[in-house]
Amino acid sequence: MDPASRDLLDGWISGVLARADHHCGVFIGDDGQPFGPRARPWDYPDILVSGGVHDDALVLELSDGSLRLHGVHDVVPGTHPWGPGLRVTGTIDDVPTEVWLV
């Protein structure tokens, strides 16, 4: 993983952990339609317990489970229906996967 991608992911993780209740949105593929035209942070469906970047993997421990995205090779800022975030490309169980972090 390139240093710029690592910095974007580390920044997203620290930003979510700085939120009062650690609310976030982690969406795989086209999952995650918003409740309204623009969701508020407390409407997000997940709570980030901890997270980190290890080698080329993004590891997130969420209130309802964990996510491990291997082979992260593309981290791009963008806008998901839930709001601004990062589109991250890698693999889950060797299947190419796109994950949105909001």
PDB file of N, CA and C in Angstrom:
ATOM      1  N   MET A   1       0.856  -1.180   0.000  1.00  0.00           N
ATOM      2  CA  MET A   1       0.000   0.000   0.000  1.00  0.00           C
ATOM      3  C   MET A   1       0.897   1.236   0.000  1.00  0.00           C
ATOM      4  N   ASP A   2       0.524   2.206  -0.813  1.00  0.00           N
ATOM      5  CA  ASP A   2       1.345   3.411  -0.902  1.00  0.00           C
ATOM      6  C   ASP A   2       1.114   4.311   0.316  1.00  0.00           C
ATOM      7  N   PRO A   3       2.112   5.152   0.652  1.00  0.00           N
ATOM      8  CA  PRO A   3       2.007   6.011   1.841  1.00  0.00           C
ATOM      9  C   PRO A   3       0.797   6.948   1.820  1.00  0.00           C
ATOM     10  N   ALA A   4       0.421   7.473   0.653  1.00  0.00           N
ATOM     11  CA  ALA A   4      -0.726   8.387   0.584  1.00  0.00           C
ATOM     12  C   ALA A   4      -2.019   7.664   0.953  1.00  0.00           C
ATOM     13  N   SER A   5      -2.183   6.434   0.480  1.00  0.00           N
ATOM     14  CA  SER A   5      -3.378   5.646   0.824  1.00  0.00           C
ATOM     15  C   SER A   5      -3.405   5.340   2.309  1.00  0.00           C
ATOM     16  N   ARG A   6      -2.254   4.965   2.849  1.00  0.00           N
ATOM     17  CA  ARG A   6      -2.162   4.680   4.289  1.00  0.00           C
ATOM     18  C   ARG A   6      -2.545   5.918   5.097  1.00  0.00           C
ATOM     19  N   ASP A   7      -2.058   7.083   4.673  1.00  0.00           N
ATOM     20  CA  ASP A   7      -2.384   8.332   5.378  1.00  0.00           C
ATOM     21  C   ASP A   7      -3.881   8.632   5.321  1.00  0.00           C
ATOM     22  N   LEU A   8      -4.515   8.410   4.156  1.00  0.00           N
ATOM     23  CA  LEU A   8      -5.961   8.637   4.041  1.00  0.00           C
ATOM     24  C   LEU A   8      -6.732   7.721   4.988  1.00  0.00           C
ATOM     25  N   LEU A   9      -6.355   6.443   5.035  1.00  0.00           N
ATOM     26  CA  LEU A   9      -7.052   5.491   5.911  1.00  0.00           C
ATOM     27  C   LEU A   9      -6.817   5.816   7.380  1.00  0.00           C
ATOM     28  N   ASP A  10      -5.566   6.121   7.743  1.00  0.00           N
ATOM     29  CA  ASP A  10      -5.276   6.494   9.129  1.00  0.00           C
ATOM     30  C   ASP A  10      -6.049   7.747   9.527  1.00  0.00           C
ATOM     31  N   GLY A  11      -6.155   8.707   8.600  1.00  0.00           N
ATOM     32  CA  GLY A  11      -6.909   9.931   8.876  1.00  0.00           C
ATOM     33  C   GLY A  11      -8.387   9.665   9.070  1.00  0.00           C
ATOM     34  N   TRP A  12      -8.955   8.758   8.255  1.00  0.00           N
ATOM     35  CA  TRP A  12     -10.373   8.419   8.403  1.00  0.00           C
ATOM     36  C   TRP A  12     -10.611   7.751   9.749  1.00  0.00           C
ATOM     37  N   ILE A  13      -9.761   6.794  10.109  1.00  0.00           N
ATOM     38  CA  ILE A  13      -9.917   6.082  11.381  1.00  0.00           C
ATOM     39  C   ILE A  13      -9.821   7.055  12.547  1.00  0.00           C
ATOM     40  N   SER A  14      -8.800   7.905  12.563  1.00  0.00           N
ATOM     41  CA  SER A  14      -8.654   8.837  13.684  1.00  0.00           C
ATOM     42  C   SER A  14      -9.790   9.850  13.714  1.00  0.00           C
ATOM     43  N   GLY A  15     -10.299  10.253  12.544  1.00  0.00           N
ATOM     44  CA  GLY A  15     -11.436  11.171  12.504  1.00  0.00           C
ATOM     45  C   GLY A  15     -12.697  10.565  13.089  1.00  0.00           C
ATOM     46  N   VAL A  16     -12.956   9.297  12.769  1.00  0.00           N
ATOM     47  CA  VAL A  16     -14.139   8.624  13.322  1.00  0.00           C
ATOM     48  C   VAL A  16     -13.975   8.436  14.827  1.00  0.00           C
ATOM     49  N   LEU A  17     -12.790   8.034  15.263  1.00  0.00           N
ATOM     50  CA  LEU A  17     -12.577   7.828  16.698  1.00  0.00           C
ATOM     51  C   LEU A  17     -12.649   9.138  17.478  1.00  0.00           C
ATOM     52  N   ALA A  18     -12.483  10.278  16.795  1.00  0.00           N
ATOM     53  CA  ALA A  18     -12.608  11.582  17.450  1.00  0.00           C
ATOM     54  C   ALA A  18     -14.065  12.009  17.593  1.00  0.00           C
ATOM     55  N   ARG A  19     -14.981  11.366  16.841  1.00  0.00           N
ATOM     56  CA  ARG A  19     -16.406  11.678  16.964  1.00  0.00           C
ATOM     57  C   ARG A  19     -16.907  11.191  18.321  1.00  0.00           C
ATOM     58  N   ALA A  20     -17.876  11.900  18.856  1.00  0.00           N
ATOM     59  CA  ALA A  20     -18.378  11.591  20.197  1.00  0.00           C
ATOM     60  C   ALA A  20     -18.763  10.124  20.369  1.00  0.00           C
ATOM     61  N   ASP A  21     -19.507   9.567  19.442  1.00  0.00           N
ATOM     62  CA  ASP A  21     -19.971   8.183  19.591  1.00  0.00           C
ATOM     63  C   ASP A  21     -19.347   7.225  18.583  1.00  0.00           C
ATOM     64  N   HIS A  22     -18.315   7.680  17.861  1.00  0.00           N
ATOM     65  CA  HIS A  22     -17.586   6.843  16.891  1.00  0.00           C
ATOM     66  C   HIS A  22     -18.492   6.294  15.797  1.00  0.00           C
ATOM     67  N   HIS A  23     -19.579   7.011  15.467  1.00  0.00           N
ATOM     68  CA  HIS A  23     -20.484   6.568  14.404  1.00  0.00           C
ATOM     69  C   HIS A  23     -19.805   6.691  13.044  1.00  0.00           C
ATOM     70  N   CYS A  24     -20.053   5.722  12.184  1.00  0.00           N
ATOM     71  CA  CYS A  24     -19.500   5.738  10.835  1.00  0.00           C
ATOM     72  C   CYS A  24     -20.369   4.874   9.931  1.00  0.00           C
ATOM     73  N   GLY A  25     -20.072   4.902   8.662  1.00  0.00           N
ATOM     74  CA  GLY A  25     -20.728   4.024   7.701  1.00  0.00           C
ATOM     75  C   GLY A  25     -19.669   3.225   6.969  1.00  0.00           C
ATOM     76  N   VAL A  26     -19.803   1.905   6.972  1.00  0.00           N
ATOM     77  CA  VAL A  26     -18.901   1.026   6.233  1.00  0.00           C
ATOM     78  C   VAL A  26     -19.785   0.214   5.305  1.00  0.00           C
ATOM     79  N   PHE A  27     -19.679   0.480   4.005  1.00  0.00           N
ATOM     80  CA  PHE A  27     -20.580  -0.116   3.027  1.00  0.00           C
ATOM     81  C   PHE A  27     -19.787  -0.910   2.005  1.00  0.00           C
ATOM     82  N   ILE A  28     -20.235  -2.114   1.711  1.00  0.00           N
ATOM     83  CA  ILE A  28     -19.581  -2.969   0.726  1.00  0.00           C
ATOM     84  C   ILE A  28     -20.403  -2.937  -0.554  1.00  0.00           C
ATOM     85  N   GLY A  29     -19.739  -2.656  -1.670  1.00  0.00           N
ATOM     86  CA  GLY A  29     -20.438  -2.590  -2.954  1.00  0.00           C
ATOM     87  C   GLY A  29     -21.402  -1.427  -2.987  1.00  0.00           C
ATOM     88  N   ASP A  30     -22.658  -1.683  -3.393  1.00  0.00           N
ATOM     89  CA  ASP A  30     -23.650  -0.613  -3.478  1.00  0.00           C
ATOM     90  C   ASP A  30     -24.582  -0.595  -2.273  1.00  0.00           C
ATOM     91  N   ASP A  31     -24.160  -1.238  -1.177  1.00  0.00           N
ATOM     92  CA  ASP A  31     -24.921  -1.245   0.068  1.00  0.00           C
ATOM     93  C   ASP A  31     -24.989   0.172   0.640  1.00  0.00           C
ATOM     94  N   GLY A  32     -26.035   0.472   1.385  1.00  0.00           N
ATOM     95  CA  GLY A  32     -26.070   1.696   2.160  1.00  0.00           C
ATOM     96  C   GLY A  32     -26.780   2.861   1.535  1.00  0.00           C
ATOM     97  N   GLN A  33     -28.056   2.743   1.288  1.00  0.00           N
ATOM     98  CA  GLN A  33     -28.818   3.884   0.808  1.00  0.00           C
ATOM     99  C   GLN A  33     -29.141   4.795   1.992  1.00  0.00           C
ATOM    100  N   PRO A  34     -29.076   6.108   1.806  1.00  0.00           N
ATOM    101  CA  PRO A  34     -29.308   7.024   2.911  1.00  0.00           C
ATOM    102  C   PRO A  34     -30.777   7.080   3.310  1.00  0.00           C
ATOM    103  N   PHE A  35     -31.010   7.501   4.556  1.00  0.00           N
ATOM    104  CA  PHE A  35     -32.378   7.683   5.037  1.00  0.00           C
ATOM    105  C   PHE A  35     -33.020   8.910   4.408  1.00  0.00           C
ATOM    106  N   GLY A  36     -32.236   9.900   4.079  1.00  0.00           N
ATOM    107  CA  GLY A  36     -32.738  11.142   3.502  1.00  0.00           C
ATOM    108  C   GLY A  36     -31.724  11.690   2.523  1.00  0.00           C
ATOM    109  N   PRO A  37     -31.912  12.937   2.065  1.00  0.00           N
ATOM    110  CA  PRO A  37     -31.003  13.483   1.068  1.00  0.00           C
ATOM    111  C   PRO A  37     -29.571  13.610   1.589  1.00  0.00           C
ATOM    112  N   ARG A  38     -29.393  13.816   2.862  1.00  0.00           N
ATOM    113  CA  ARG A  38     -28.045  13.879   3.437  1.00  0.00           C
ATOM    114  C   ARG A  38     -28.130  13.350   4.866  1.00  0.00           C
ATOM    115  N   ALA A  39     -27.448  12.255   5.115  1.00  0.00           N
ATOM    116  CA  ALA A  39     -27.503  11.644   6.447  1.00  0.00           C
ATOM    117  C   ALA A  39     -26.697  12.477   7.440  1.00  0.00           C
ATOM    118  N   ARG A  40     -27.104  12.407   8.676  1.00  0.00           N
ATOM    119  CA  ARG A  40     -26.355  13.046   9.754  1.00  0.00           C
ATOM    120  C   ARG A  40     -25.422  11.993  10.354  1.00  0.00           C
ATOM    121  N   PRO A  41     -24.307  12.383  10.957  1.00  0.00           N
ATOM    122  CA  PRO A  41     -23.365  11.391  11.485  1.00  0.00           C
ATOM    123  C   PRO A  41     -24.003  10.380  12.433  1.00  0.00           C
ATOM    124  N   TRP A  42     -24.969  10.792  13.241  1.00  0.00           N
ATOM    125  CA  TRP A  42     -25.573   9.854  14.194  1.00  0.00           C
ATOM    126  C   TRP A  42     -26.571   8.903  13.533  1.00  0.00           C
ATOM    127  N   ASP A  43     -26.859   9.100  12.242  1.00  0.00           N
ATOM    128  CA  ASP A  43     -27.691   8.148  11.502  1.00  0.00           C
ATOM    129  C   ASP A  43     -26.879   6.982  10.947  1.00  0.00           C
ATOM    130  N   TYR A  44     -25.566   7.095  10.973  1.00  0.00           N
ATOM    131  CA  TYR A  44     -24.725   6.051  10.383  1.00  0.00           C
ATOM    132  C   TYR A  44     -24.965   4.734  11.115  1.00  0.00           C
ATOM    133  N   PRO A  45     -24.913   3.622  10.410  1.00  0.00           N
ATOM    134  CA  PRO A  45     -25.304   2.344  10.991  1.00  0.00           C
ATOM    135  C   PRO A  45     -24.230   1.633  11.799  1.00  0.00           C
ATOM    136  N   ASP A  46     -22.994   2.103  11.797  1.00  0.00           N
ATOM    137  CA  ASP A  46     -21.915   1.382  12.471  1.00  0.00           C
ATOM    138  C   ASP A  46     -21.256   2.253  13.526  1.00  0.00           C
ATOM    139  N   ILE A  47     -20.621   1.580  14.479  1.00  0.00           N
ATOM    140  CA  ILE A  47     -19.797   2.251  15.477  1.00  0.00           C
ATOM    141  C   ILE A  47     -18.410   1.627  15.383  1.00  0.00           C
ATOM    142  N   LEU A  48     -17.392   2.458  15.178  1.00  0.00           N
ATOM    143  CA  LEU A  48     -16.024   1.971  15.078  1.00  0.00           C
ATOM    144  C   LEU A  48     -15.454   1.784  16.478  1.00  0.00           C
ATOM    145  N   VAL A  49     -15.094   0.551  16.808  1.00  0.00           N
ATOM    146  CA  VAL A  49     -14.480   0.247  18.099  1.00  0.00           C
ATOM    147  C   VAL A  49     -12.975   0.476  18.006  1.00  0.00           C
ATOM    148  N   SER A  50     -12.358  -0.021  16.945  1.00  0.00           N
ATOM    149  CA  SER A  50     -10.933   0.187  16.707  1.00  0.00           C
ATOM    150  C   SER A  50     -10.649  -0.066  15.234  1.00  0.00           C
ATOM    151  N   GLY A  51      -9.496   0.368  14.793  1.00  0.00           N
ATOM    152  CA  GLY A  51      -9.134   0.148  13.401  1.00  0.00           C
ATOM    153  C   GLY A  51      -7.665   0.406  13.178  1.00  0.00           C
ATOM    154  N   GLY A  52      -7.172  -0.114  12.072  1.00  0.00           N
ATOM    155  CA  GLY A  52      -5.780   0.098  11.738  1.00  0.00           C
ATOM    156  C   GLY A  52      -5.448  -0.449  10.373  1.00  0.00           C
ATOM    157  N   VAL A  53      -4.262  -0.070   9.917  1.00  0.00           N
ATOM    158  CA  VAL A  53      -3.740  -0.563   8.653  1.00  0.00           C
ATOM    159  C   VAL A  53      -2.540  -1.432   8.997  1.00  0.00           C
ATOM    160  N   HIS A  54      -2.594  -2.690   8.593  1.00  0.00           N
ATOM    161  CA  HIS A  54      -1.532  -3.649   8.886  1.00  0.00           C
ATOM    162  C   HIS A  54      -1.032  -4.222   7.570  1.00  0.00           C
ATOM    163  N   ASP A  55       0.238  -3.954   7.248  1.00  0.00           N
ATOM    164  CA  ASP A  55       0.815  -4.344   5.958  1.00  0.00           C
ATOM    165  C   ASP A  55      -0.060  -3.761   4.847  1.00  0.00           C
ATOM    166  N   ASP A  56      -0.719  -4.600   4.075  1.00  0.00           N
ATOM    167  CA  ASP A  56      -1.575  -4.095   2.993  1.00  0.00           C
ATOM    168  C   ASP A  56      -3.051  -4.323   3.289  1.00  0.00           C
ATOM    169  N   ALA A  57      -3.392  -4.516   4.571  1.00  0.00           N
ATOM    170  CA  ALA A  57      -4.778  -4.809   4.951  1.00  0.00           C
ATOM    171  C   ALA A  57      -5.367  -3.695   5.813  1.00  0.00           C
ATOM    172  N   LEU A  58      -6.642  -3.412   5.582  1.00  0.00           N
ATOM    173  CA  LEU A  58      -7.413  -2.512   6.430  1.00  0.00           C
ATOM    174  C   LEU A  58      -8.219  -3.381   7.383  1.00  0.00           C
ATOM    175  N   VAL A  59      -8.051  -3.158   8.683  1.00  0.00           N
ATOM    176  CA  VAL A  59      -8.742  -3.961   9.690  1.00  0.00           C
ATOM    177  C   VAL A  59      -9.597  -3.025  10.539  1.00  0.00           C
ATOM    178  N   LEU A  60     -10.916  -3.270  10.528  1.00  0.00           N
ATOM    179  CA  LEU A  60     -11.844  -2.462  11.315  1.00  0.00           C
ATOM    180  C   LEU A  60     -12.635  -3.368  12.241  1.00  0.00           C
ATOM    181  N   GLU A  61     -12.690  -2.996  13.510  1.00  0.00           N
ATOM    182  CA  GLU A  61     -13.546  -3.684  14.472  1.00  0.00           C
ATOM    183  C   GLU A  61     -14.744  -2.768  14.702  1.00  0.00           C
ATOM    184  N   LEU A  62     -15.905  -3.245  14.278  1.00  0.00           N
ATOM    185  CA  LEU A  62     -17.136  -2.468  14.381  1.00  0.00           C
ATOM    186  C   LEU A  62     -18.012  -3.042  15.477  1.00  0.00           C
ATOM    187  N   SER A  63     -19.011  -2.288  15.893  1.00  0.00           N
ATOM    188  CA  SER A  63     -19.899  -2.737  16.967  1.00  0.00           C
ATOM    189  C   SER A  63     -20.626  -4.024  16.612  1.00  0.00           C
ATOM    190  N   ASP A  64     -20.830  -4.287  15.321  1.00  0.00           N
ATOM    191  CA  ASP A  64     -21.580  -5.485  14.927  1.00  0.00           C
ATOM    192  C   ASP A  64     -20.724  -6.512  14.185  1.00  0.00           C
ATOM    193  N   GLY A  65     -19.410  -6.413  14.289  1.00  0.00           N
ATOM    194  CA  GLY A  65     -18.532  -7.380  13.635  1.00  0.00           C
ATOM    195  C   GLY A  65     -17.243  -6.722  13.175  1.00  0.00           C
ATOM    196  N   SER A  66     -16.469  -7.454  12.414  1.00  0.00           N
ATOM    197  CA  SER A  66     -15.196  -6.909  11.961  1.00  0.00           C
ATOM    198  C   SER A  66     -15.077  -7.015  10.447  1.00  0.00           C
ATOM    199  N   LEU A  67     -14.180  -6.212   9.907  1.00  0.00           N
ATOM    200  CA  LEU A  67     -13.922  -6.193   8.470  1.00  0.00           C
ATOM    201  C   LEU A  67     -12.420  -6.246   8.271  1.00  0.00           C
ATOM    202  N   ARG A  68     -11.975  -7.142   7.416  1.00  0.00           N
ATOM    203  CA  ARG A  68     -10.558  -7.207   7.038  1.00  0.00           C
ATOM    204  C   ARG A  68     -10.495  -7.188   5.514  1.00  0.00           C
ATOM    205  N   LEU A  69     -10.006  -6.091   4.972  1.00  0.00           N
ATOM    206  CA  LEU A  69      -9.871  -5.912   3.531  1.00  0.00           C
ATOM    207  C   LEU A  69      -8.393  -6.062   3.181  1.00  0.00           C
ATOM    208  N   HIS A  70      -8.063  -7.140   2.483  1.00  0.00           N
ATOM    209  CA  HIS A  70      -6.674  -7.439   2.124  1.00  0.00           C
ATOM    210  C   HIS A  70      -6.305  -6.789   0.800  1.00  0.00           C
ATOM    211  N   GLY A  71      -5.011  -6.661   0.580  1.00  0.00           N
ATOM    212  CA  GLY A  71      -4.518  -6.189  -0.708  1.00  0.00           C
ATOM    213  C   GLY A  71      -5.056  -4.836  -1.117  1.00  0.00           C
ATOM    214  N   VAL A  72      -5.185  -3.934  -0.148  1.00  0.00           N
ATOM    215  CA  VAL A  72      -5.705  -2.600  -0.467  1.00  0.00           C
ATOM    216  C   VAL A  72      -4.773  -1.955  -1.491  1.00  0.00           C
ATOM    217  N   HIS A  73      -5.341  -1.540  -2.628  1.00  0.00           N
ATOM    218  CA  HIS A  73      -4.513  -0.953  -3.676  1.00  0.00           C
ATOM    219  C   HIS A  73      -5.092   0.328  -4.262  1.00  0.00           C
ATOM    220  N   ASP A  74      -6.225   0.752  -3.781  1.00  0.00           N
ATOM    221  CA  ASP A  74      -6.824   1.972  -4.315  1.00  0.00           C
ATOM    222  C   ASP A  74      -7.663   2.624  -3.220  1.00  0.00           C
ATOM    223  N   VAL A  75      -7.261   3.818  -2.789  1.00  0.00           N
ATOM    224  CA  VAL A  75      -8.011   4.582  -1.788  1.00  0.00           C
ATOM    225  C   VAL A  75      -8.272   5.954  -2.396  1.00  0.00           C
ATOM    226  N   VAL A  76      -9.556   6.253  -2.640  1.00  0.00           N
ATOM    227  CA  VAL A  76      -9.915   7.476  -3.352  1.00  0.00           C
ATOM    228  C   VAL A  76     -10.979   8.241  -2.571  1.00  0.00           C
ATOM    229  N   PRO A  77     -10.732   9.511  -2.244  1.00  0.00           N
ATOM    230  CA  PRO A  77     -11.786  10.319  -1.635  1.00  0.00           C
ATOM    231  C   PRO A  77     -12.937  10.499  -2.627  1.00  0.00           C
ATOM    232  N   GLY A  78     -14.157  10.491  -2.109  1.00  0.00           N
ATOM    233  CA  GLY A  78     -15.320  10.663  -2.970  1.00  0.00           C
ATOM    234  C   GLY A  78     -16.568  10.876  -2.150  1.00  0.00           C
ATOM    235  N   THR A  79     -17.709  10.845  -2.809  1.00  0.00           N
ATOM    236  CA  THR A  79     -18.977  11.068  -2.125  1.00  0.00           C
ATOM    237  C   THR A  79     -19.894   9.877  -2.342  1.00  0.00           C
ATOM    238  N   HIS A  80     -20.248   9.234  -1.260  1.00  0.00           N
ATOM    239  CA  HIS A  80     -21.199   8.120  -1.204  1.00  0.00           C
ATOM    240  C   HIS A  80     -22.571   8.743  -0.927  1.00  0.00           C
ATOM    241  N   PRO A  81     -23.676   8.033  -1.181  1.00  0.00           N
ATOM    242  CA  PRO A  81     -24.989   8.592  -0.825  1.00  0.00           C
ATOM    243  C   PRO A  81     -25.096   9.032   0.642  1.00  0.00           C
ATOM    244  N   TRP A  82     -24.294   8.445   1.530  1.00  0.00           N
ATOM    245  CA  TRP A  82     -24.310   8.844   2.941  1.00  0.00           C
ATOM    246  C   TRP A  82     -23.502  10.100   3.198  1.00  0.00           C
ATOM    247  N   GLY A  83     -22.644  10.492   2.257  1.00  0.00           N
ATOM    248  CA  GLY A  83     -21.826  11.678   2.455  1.00  0.00           C
ATOM    249  C   GLY A  83     -20.395  11.439   2.012  1.00  0.00           C
ATOM    250  N   PRO A  84     -19.514  12.408   2.277  1.00  0.00           N
ATOM    251  CA  PRO A  84     -18.129  12.284   1.841  1.00  0.00           C
ATOM    252  C   PRO A  84     -17.408  11.160   2.572  1.00  0.00           C
ATOM    253  N   GLY A  85     -16.503  10.513   1.870  1.00  0.00           N
ATOM    254  CA  GLY A  85     -15.759   9.422   2.482  1.00  0.00           C
ATOM    255  C   GLY A  85     -14.652   8.934   1.579  1.00  0.00           C
ATOM    256  N   LEU A  86     -14.276   7.677   1.775  1.00  0.00           N
ATOM    257  CA  LEU A  86     -13.215   7.050   0.997  1.00  0.00           C
ATOM    258  C   LEU A  86     -13.739   5.791   0.326  1.00  0.00           C
ATOM    259  N   ARG A  87     -13.409   5.624  -0.945  1.00  0.00           N
ATOM    260  CA  ARG A  87     -13.694   4.374  -1.646  1.00  0.00           C
ATOM    261  C   ARG A  87     -12.405   3.564  -1.637  1.00  0.00           C
ATOM    262  N   VAL A  88     -12.466   2.374  -1.057  1.00  0.00           N
ATOM    263  CA  VAL A  88     -11.277   1.550  -0.867  1.00  0.00           C
ATOM    264  C   VAL A  88     -11.459   0.245  -1.633  1.00  0.00           C
ATOM    265  N   THR A  89     -10.458  -0.133  -2.412  1.00  0.00           N
ATOM    266  CA  THR A  89     -10.519  -1.357  -3.199  1.00  0.00           C
ATOM    267  C   THR A  89      -9.493  -2.353  -2.685  1.00  0.00           C
ATOM    268  N   GLY A  90      -9.923  -3.594  -2.531  1.00  0.00           N
ATOM    269  CA  GLY A  90      -9.053  -4.674  -2.078  1.00  0.00           C
ATOM    270  C   GLY A  90      -9.769  -5.993  -2.264  1.00  0.00           C
ATOM    271  N   THR A  91      -9.512  -6.949  -1.378  1.00  0.00           N
ATOM    272  CA  THR A  91     -10.183  -8.246  -1.464  1.00  0.00           C
ATOM    273  C   THR A  91     -10.665  -8.693  -0.089  1.00  0.00           C
ATOM    274  N   ILE A  92     -11.788  -9.403  -0.092  1.00  0.00           N
ATOM    275  CA  ILE A  92     -12.290 -10.102   1.091  1.00  0.00           C
ATOM    276  C   ILE A  92     -12.457 -11.551   0.662  1.00  0.00           C
ATOM    277  N   ASP A  93     -11.781 -12.457   1.364  1.00  0.00           N
ATOM    278  CA  ASP A  93     -11.803 -13.881   0.995  1.00  0.00           C
ATOM    279  C   ASP A  93     -11.437 -14.076  -0.474  1.00  0.00           C
ATOM    280  N   ASP A  94     -10.410 -13.369  -0.925  1.00  0.00           N
ATOM    281  CA  ASP A  94      -9.887 -13.455  -2.297  1.00  0.00           C
ATOM    282  C   ASP A  94     -10.862 -12.978  -3.368  1.00  0.00           C
ATOM    283  N   VAL A  95     -11.929 -12.300  -2.977  1.00  0.00           N
ATOM    284  CA  VAL A  95     -12.897 -11.755  -3.935  1.00  0.00           C
ATOM    285  C   VAL A  95     -12.668 -10.244  -4.036  1.00  0.00           C
ATOM    286  N   PRO A  96     -12.444  -9.707  -5.237  1.00  0.00           N
ATOM    287  CA  PRO A  96     -12.282  -8.260  -5.382  1.00  0.00           C
ATOM    288  C   PRO A  96     -13.497  -7.526  -4.801  1.00  0.00           C
ATOM    289  N   THR A  97     -13.211  -6.525  -3.978  1.00  0.00           N
ATOM    290  CA  THR A  97     -14.275  -5.852  -3.233  1.00  0.00           C
ATOM    291  C   THR A  97     -14.008  -4.358  -3.165  1.00  0.00           C
ATOM    292  N   GLU A  98     -15.078  -3.580  -3.281  1.00  0.00           N
ATOM    293  CA  GLU A  98     -15.018  -2.135  -3.084  1.00  0.00           C
ATOM    294  C   GLU A  98     -15.779  -1.813  -1.805  1.00  0.00           C
ATOM    295  N   VAL A  99     -15.137  -1.059  -0.917  1.00  0.00           N
ATOM    296  CA  VAL A  99     -15.735  -0.686   0.362  1.00  0.00           C
ATOM    297  C   VAL A  99     -15.741   0.833   0.456  1.00  0.00           C
ATOM    298  N   TRP A 100     -16.861   1.372   0.906  1.00  0.00           N
ATOM    299  CA  TRP A 100     -16.952   2.805   1.184  1.00  0.00           C
ATOM    300  C   TRP A 100     -16.844   3.021   2.686  1.00  0.00           C
ATOM    301  N   LEU A 101     -16.000   3.966   3.080  1.00  0.00           N
ATOM    302  CA  LEU A 101     -15.864   4.381   4.476  1.00  0.00           C
ATOM    303  C   LEU A 101     -16.401   5.799   4.573  1.00  0.00           C
ATOM    304  N   VAL A 102     -17.446   5.997   5.362  1.00  0.00           N
ATOM    305  CA  VAL A 102     -18.092   7.311   5.481  1.00  0.00           C
ATOM    306  C   VAL A 102     -18.111   7.727   6.945  1.00  0.00           C
TER     307      VAL A 102
END
